[in-house]
Amino acid sequence: MSELRPVMLYDGRCAFCNRWVQRWRHFTSDAIDYQPYQVAAGRFPQIPPDALGKAVHLIEPDGHVTRGAAAIFRSMELANHRRWPSWLYRKFIPFAVASERVY
């Protein structure tokens, strides 16, 4: 794992989460480092432990953290894959609200 890559923390015990991470890996290739929070949470003390089981968290090399649907869209943007959802999430509030509800 490279510290220069963003890290996506997810629930490694959740079968649903693991399936989605495999899908996201296909889209992001090696641009994002995926780690179960059960293994990597100690490296990110700024994230409350109870928050980690509720949503994925994307930690960028500069320390910026996004979670939930925003983290998914940001990871795709960082990997230069489907940049428009991240833009739409930031610019169109109803899209962001709907995305988080679906997430």
N, C-alpha and C. Protein backbone atom coordinates (compact mmCIF):
# COMPACT_ATOMS: atom_id res chain seq x y z
N MET A 1 0.83 -1.18 0.00
CA MET A 1 0.00 0.00 0.00
C MET A 1 0.88 1.24 0.00
N SER A 2 0.49 2.20 -0.77
CA SER A 2 1.24 3.44 -0.83
C SER A 2 0.50 4.53 -0.06
N GLU A 3 1.22 5.30 0.73
CA GLU A 3 0.61 6.41 1.46
C GLU A 3 0.24 7.54 0.52
N LEU A 4 0.65 7.46 -0.74
CA LEU A 4 0.31 8.50 -1.70
C LEU A 4 -1.06 8.28 -2.32
N ARG A 5 -1.64 7.13 -2.07
CA ARG A 5 -2.97 6.83 -2.61
C ARG A 5 -4.03 7.09 -1.55
N PRO A 6 -5.20 7.49 -1.97
CA PRO A 6 -6.31 7.57 -1.03
C PRO A 6 -6.64 6.17 -0.51
N VAL A 7 -7.17 6.12 0.70
CA VAL A 7 -7.54 4.86 1.33
C VAL A 7 -9.05 4.86 1.55
N MET A 8 -9.70 3.79 1.11
CA MET A 8 -11.13 3.60 1.35
C MET A 8 -11.28 2.56 2.45
N LEU A 9 -11.85 2.98 3.58
CA LEU A 9 -12.12 2.05 4.67
C LEU A 9 -13.55 1.54 4.52
N TYR A 10 -13.71 0.24 4.69
CA TYR A 10 -15.03 -0.39 4.57
C TYR A 10 -15.14 -1.51 5.60
N ASP A 11 -16.34 -2.02 5.76
CA ASP A 11 -16.57 -3.10 6.73
C ASP A 11 -16.18 -4.43 6.09
N GLY A 12 -15.05 -4.95 6.50
CA GLY A 12 -14.54 -6.20 5.95
C GLY A 12 -15.33 -7.43 6.35
N ARG A 13 -16.23 -7.30 7.31
CA ARG A 13 -17.06 -8.43 7.75
C ARG A 13 -18.41 -8.48 7.04
N CYS A 14 -18.68 -7.47 6.25
CA CYS A 14 -19.97 -7.35 5.58
C CYS A 14 -19.87 -7.90 4.15
N ALA A 15 -20.62 -8.96 3.87
CA ALA A 15 -20.57 -9.58 2.53
C ALA A 15 -21.01 -8.59 1.45
N PHE A 16 -22.04 -7.82 1.74
CA PHE A 16 -22.53 -6.81 0.79
C PHE A 16 -21.42 -5.79 0.49
N CYS A 17 -20.76 -5.31 1.54
CA CYS A 17 -19.67 -4.34 1.38
C CYS A 17 -18.52 -4.93 0.56
N ASN A 18 -18.16 -6.16 0.85
CA ASN A 18 -17.07 -6.81 0.12
C ASN A 18 -17.38 -6.95 -1.36
N ARG A 19 -18.63 -7.27 -1.70
CA ARG A 19 -19.03 -7.37 -3.11
C ARG A 19 -18.88 -6.01 -3.80
N TRP A 20 -19.33 -4.96 -3.12
CA TRP A 20 -19.24 -3.63 -3.73
C TRP A 20 -17.80 -3.16 -3.86
N VAL A 21 -16.97 -3.48 -2.89
CA VAL A 21 -15.55 -3.09 -2.98
C VAL A 21 -14.91 -3.77 -4.19
N GLN A 22 -15.24 -5.02 -4.44
CA GLN A 22 -14.70 -5.69 -5.63
C GLN A 22 -15.11 -4.96 -6.91
N ARG A 23 -16.35 -4.51 -6.93
CA ARG A 23 -16.83 -3.76 -8.09
C ARG A 23 -16.08 -2.43 -8.22
N TRP A 24 -15.95 -1.70 -7.12
CA TRP A 24 -15.25 -0.41 -7.16
C TRP A 24 -13.79 -0.60 -7.55
N ARG A 25 -13.16 -1.66 -7.09
CA ARG A 25 -11.76 -1.92 -7.48
C ARG A 25 -11.63 -2.05 -9.00
N HIS A 26 -12.63 -2.66 -9.60
CA HIS A 26 -12.63 -2.80 -11.06
C HIS A 26 -12.59 -1.42 -11.72
N PHE A 27 -13.35 -0.46 -11.19
CA PHE A 27 -13.41 0.88 -11.77
C PHE A 27 -12.21 1.74 -11.42
N THR A 28 -11.67 1.58 -10.21
CA THR A 28 -10.62 2.49 -9.76
C THR A 28 -9.21 1.92 -9.93
N SER A 29 -9.11 0.65 -10.28
CA SER A 29 -7.82 -0.01 -10.47
C SER A 29 -6.96 0.20 -9.23
N ASP A 30 -5.73 0.68 -9.41
CA ASP A 30 -4.85 0.85 -8.26
C ASP A 30 -4.80 2.30 -7.76
N ALA A 31 -5.76 3.13 -8.17
CA ALA A 31 -5.79 4.52 -7.73
C ALA A 31 -6.24 4.66 -6.27
N ILE A 32 -6.98 3.67 -5.78
CA ILE A 32 -7.51 3.70 -4.41
C ILE A 32 -7.04 2.45 -3.69
N ASP A 33 -6.63 2.61 -2.44
CA ASP A 33 -6.24 1.48 -1.61
C ASP A 33 -7.42 1.14 -0.71
N TYR A 34 -8.00 -0.03 -0.87
CA TYR A 34 -9.15 -0.47 -0.08
C TYR A 34 -8.67 -1.29 1.10
N GLN A 35 -9.12 -0.90 2.28
CA GLN A 35 -8.72 -1.59 3.51
C GLN A 35 -9.94 -1.78 4.41
N PRO A 36 -10.11 -2.98 4.98
CA PRO A 36 -11.18 -3.15 5.98
C PRO A 36 -10.87 -2.25 7.18
N TYR A 37 -11.88 -1.59 7.69
CA TYR A 37 -11.64 -0.72 8.84
C TYR A 37 -11.20 -1.51 10.05
N GLN A 38 -11.57 -2.79 10.11
CA GLN A 38 -11.17 -3.62 11.24
C GLN A 38 -9.65 -3.76 11.31
N VAL A 39 -8.97 -3.60 10.18
CA VAL A 39 -7.52 -3.72 10.11
C VAL A 39 -6.84 -2.36 10.18
N ALA A 40 -7.40 -1.36 9.51
CA ALA A 40 -6.70 -0.10 9.29
C ALA A 40 -7.20 1.08 10.12
N ALA A 41 -8.24 0.92 10.90
CA ALA A 41 -8.82 2.05 11.62
C ALA A 41 -7.82 2.77 12.53
N GLY A 42 -6.91 2.03 13.12
CA GLY A 42 -5.92 2.63 14.02
C GLY A 42 -5.04 3.68 13.37
N ARG A 43 -4.91 3.60 12.07
CA ARG A 43 -4.10 4.59 11.34
C ARG A 43 -4.84 5.91 11.15
N PHE A 44 -6.14 5.92 11.45
CA PHE A 44 -6.97 7.11 11.20
C PHE A 44 -7.76 7.48 12.45
N PRO A 45 -7.08 7.91 13.50
CA PRO A 45 -7.77 8.20 14.76
C PRO A 45 -8.74 9.38 14.67
N GLN A 46 -8.66 10.17 13.60
CA GLN A 46 -9.57 11.30 13.43
C GLN A 46 -10.99 10.86 13.09
N ILE A 47 -11.17 9.58 12.73
CA ILE A 47 -12.50 9.06 12.40
C ILE A 47 -13.03 8.30 13.62
N PRO A 48 -14.18 8.73 14.15
CA PRO A 48 -14.74 8.02 15.30
C PRO A 48 -15.01 6.55 14.97
N PRO A 49 -14.61 5.62 15.83
CA PRO A 49 -14.79 4.19 15.55
C PRO A 49 -16.23 3.80 15.25
N ASP A 50 -17.20 4.43 15.91
CA ASP A 50 -18.60 4.05 15.65
C ASP A 50 -19.06 4.49 14.26
N ALA A 51 -18.40 5.46 13.66
CA ALA A 51 -18.77 5.92 12.31
C ALA A 51 -18.32 4.93 11.24
N LEU A 52 -17.27 4.19 11.52
CA LEU A 52 -16.69 3.31 10.50
C LEU A 52 -17.61 2.16 10.10
N GLY A 53 -18.42 1.69 10.98
CA GLY A 53 -19.34 0.60 10.67
C GLY A 53 -20.60 1.06 9.96
N LYS A 54 -20.79 2.36 9.84
CA LYS A 54 -22.01 2.90 9.24
C LYS A 54 -21.86 3.28 7.78
N ALA A 55 -20.64 3.54 7.33
CA ALA A 55 -20.42 3.99 5.95
C ALA A 55 -18.95 3.83 5.58
N VAL A 56 -18.70 3.73 4.29
CA VAL A 56 -17.31 3.74 3.83
C VAL A 56 -16.74 5.13 4.07
N HIS A 57 -15.43 5.20 4.26
CA HIS A 57 -14.73 6.47 4.45
C HIS A 57 -13.54 6.50 3.50
N LEU A 58 -13.42 7.60 2.79
CA LEU A 58 -12.28 7.80 1.89
C LEU A 58 -11.37 8.84 2.52
N ILE A 59 -10.12 8.45 2.75
CA ILE A 59 -9.13 9.35 3.33
C ILE A 59 -8.11 9.65 2.25
N GLU A 60 -8.02 10.92 1.89
CA GLU A 60 -7.06 11.33 0.85
C GLU A 60 -5.71 11.60 1.48
N PRO A 61 -4.64 11.58 0.69
CA PRO A 61 -3.30 11.77 1.24
C PRO A 61 -3.13 13.06 2.04
N ASP A 62 -3.91 14.10 1.72
CA ASP A 62 -3.82 15.35 2.48
C ASP A 62 -4.63 15.31 3.77
N GLY A 63 -5.30 14.18 4.06
CA GLY A 63 -6.07 14.02 5.28
C GLY A 63 -7.55 14.30 5.13
N HIS A 64 -7.97 14.79 3.97
CA HIS A 64 -9.39 15.07 3.76
C HIS A 64 -10.18 13.76 3.78
N VAL A 65 -11.31 13.76 4.51
CA VAL A 65 -12.13 12.56 4.67
C VAL A 65 -13.52 12.82 4.10
N THR A 66 -14.01 11.89 3.28
CA THR A 66 -15.40 11.89 2.85
C THR A 66 -15.98 10.53 3.22
N ARG A 67 -17.31 10.49 3.32
CA ARG A 67 -17.94 9.23 3.73
C ARG A 67 -19.19 8.99 2.90
N GLY A 68 -19.66 7.74 2.93
CA GLY A 68 -20.89 7.38 2.26
C GLY A 68 -20.83 7.56 0.76
N ALA A 69 -21.95 8.00 0.19
CA ALA A 69 -22.03 8.18 -1.27
C ALA A 69 -20.98 9.16 -1.76
N ALA A 70 -20.72 10.22 -1.00
CA ALA A 70 -19.71 11.20 -1.40
C ALA A 70 -18.35 10.54 -1.58
N ALA A 71 -18.03 9.59 -0.70
CA ALA A 71 -16.74 8.89 -0.79
C ALA A 71 -16.67 8.03 -2.05
N ILE A 72 -17.77 7.40 -2.40
CA ILE A 72 -17.80 6.58 -3.61
C ILE A 72 -17.56 7.45 -4.83
N PHE A 73 -18.32 8.53 -4.93
CA PHE A 73 -18.19 9.42 -6.08
C PHE A 73 -16.80 10.05 -6.14
N ARG A 74 -16.26 10.45 -4.99
CA ARG A 74 -14.92 11.05 -4.97
C ARG A 74 -13.86 10.03 -5.39
N SER A 75 -14.01 8.78 -4.98
CA SER A 75 -13.02 7.77 -5.38
C SER A 75 -13.02 7.57 -6.89
N MET A 76 -14.20 7.58 -7.48
CA MET A 76 -14.29 7.45 -8.94
C MET A 76 -13.64 8.65 -9.63
N GLU A 77 -13.87 9.83 -9.07
CA GLU A 77 -13.27 11.04 -9.62
C GLU A 77 -11.74 10.97 -9.53
N LEU A 78 -11.22 10.57 -8.39
CA LEU A 78 -9.77 10.48 -8.22
C LEU A 78 -9.14 9.45 -9.15
N ALA A 79 -9.91 8.44 -9.51
CA ALA A 79 -9.42 7.40 -10.42
C ALA A 79 -9.68 7.76 -11.89
N ASN A 80 -10.20 8.96 -12.13
CA ASN A 80 -10.53 9.40 -13.50
C ASN A 80 -11.53 8.48 -14.18
N HIS A 81 -12.49 8.04 -13.39
CA HIS A 81 -13.55 7.18 -13.91
C HIS A 81 -14.88 7.79 -13.49
N ARG A 82 -15.68 8.16 -14.44
CA ARG A 82 -16.99 8.75 -14.14
C ARG A 82 -16.88 9.91 -13.17
N ARG A 83 -16.31 10.98 -13.62
CA ARG A 83 -16.13 12.16 -12.78
C ARG A 83 -17.43 12.93 -12.54
N TRP A 84 -18.39 12.78 -13.43
CA TRP A 84 -19.61 13.58 -13.33
C TRP A 84 -20.43 13.34 -12.08
N PRO A 85 -20.51 12.11 -11.51
CA PRO A 85 -21.32 11.97 -10.29
C PRO A 85 -20.79 12.81 -9.12
N SER A 86 -19.48 12.90 -9.01
CA SER A 86 -18.89 13.71 -7.94
C SER A 86 -19.23 15.18 -8.13
N TRP A 87 -19.13 15.64 -9.34
CA TRP A 87 -19.48 17.03 -9.65
C TRP A 87 -20.95 17.27 -9.34
N LEU A 88 -21.81 16.38 -9.79
CA LEU A 88 -23.25 16.51 -9.56
C LEU A 88 -23.57 16.49 -8.07
N TYR A 89 -22.89 15.63 -7.33
CA TYR A 89 -23.09 15.54 -5.88
C TYR A 89 -22.77 16.88 -5.21
N ARG A 90 -21.69 17.52 -5.62
CA ARG A 90 -21.27 18.79 -5.02
C ARG A 90 -22.15 19.96 -5.45
N LYS A 91 -22.69 19.92 -6.66
CA LYS A 91 -23.39 21.08 -7.22
C LYS A 91 -24.91 21.03 -7.14
N PHE A 92 -25.48 19.85 -6.99
CA PHE A 92 -26.93 19.70 -7.05
C PHE A 92 -27.41 18.99 -5.79
N ILE A 93 -27.86 19.78 -4.82
CA ILE A 93 -28.23 19.26 -3.50
C ILE A 93 -29.22 18.09 -3.57
N PRO A 94 -30.28 18.15 -4.39
CA PRO A 94 -31.20 17.01 -4.43
C PRO A 94 -30.51 15.70 -4.83
N PHE A 95 -29.52 15.78 -5.72
CA PHE A 95 -28.77 14.58 -6.10
C PHE A 95 -27.99 14.04 -4.91
N ALA A 96 -27.36 14.94 -4.15
CA ALA A 96 -26.59 14.52 -2.97
C ALA A 96 -27.51 13.87 -1.94
N VAL A 97 -28.66 14.48 -1.68
CA VAL A 97 -29.60 13.94 -0.70
C VAL A 97 -30.09 12.57 -1.14
N ALA A 98 -30.49 12.45 -2.39
CA ALA A 98 -30.98 11.16 -2.91
C ALA A 98 -29.87 10.11 -2.86
N SER A 99 -28.65 10.49 -3.22
CA SER A 99 -27.53 9.55 -3.20
C SER A 99 -27.27 9.01 -1.80
N GLU A 100 -27.30 9.88 -0.81
CA GLU A 100 -27.07 9.43 0.56
C GLU A 100 -28.21 8.55 1.07
N ARG A 101 -29.41 8.85 0.65
CA ARG A 101 -30.55 8.00 1.06
C ARG A 101 -30.45 6.61 0.44
N VAL A 102 -30.07 6.56 -0.82
CA VAL A 102 -29.91 5.27 -1.50
C VAL A 102 -28.73 4.51 -0.93
N TYR A 103 -27.65 5.24 -0.60
CA TYR A 103 -26.48 4.60 -0.04
C TYR A 103 -26.87 3.85 1.21
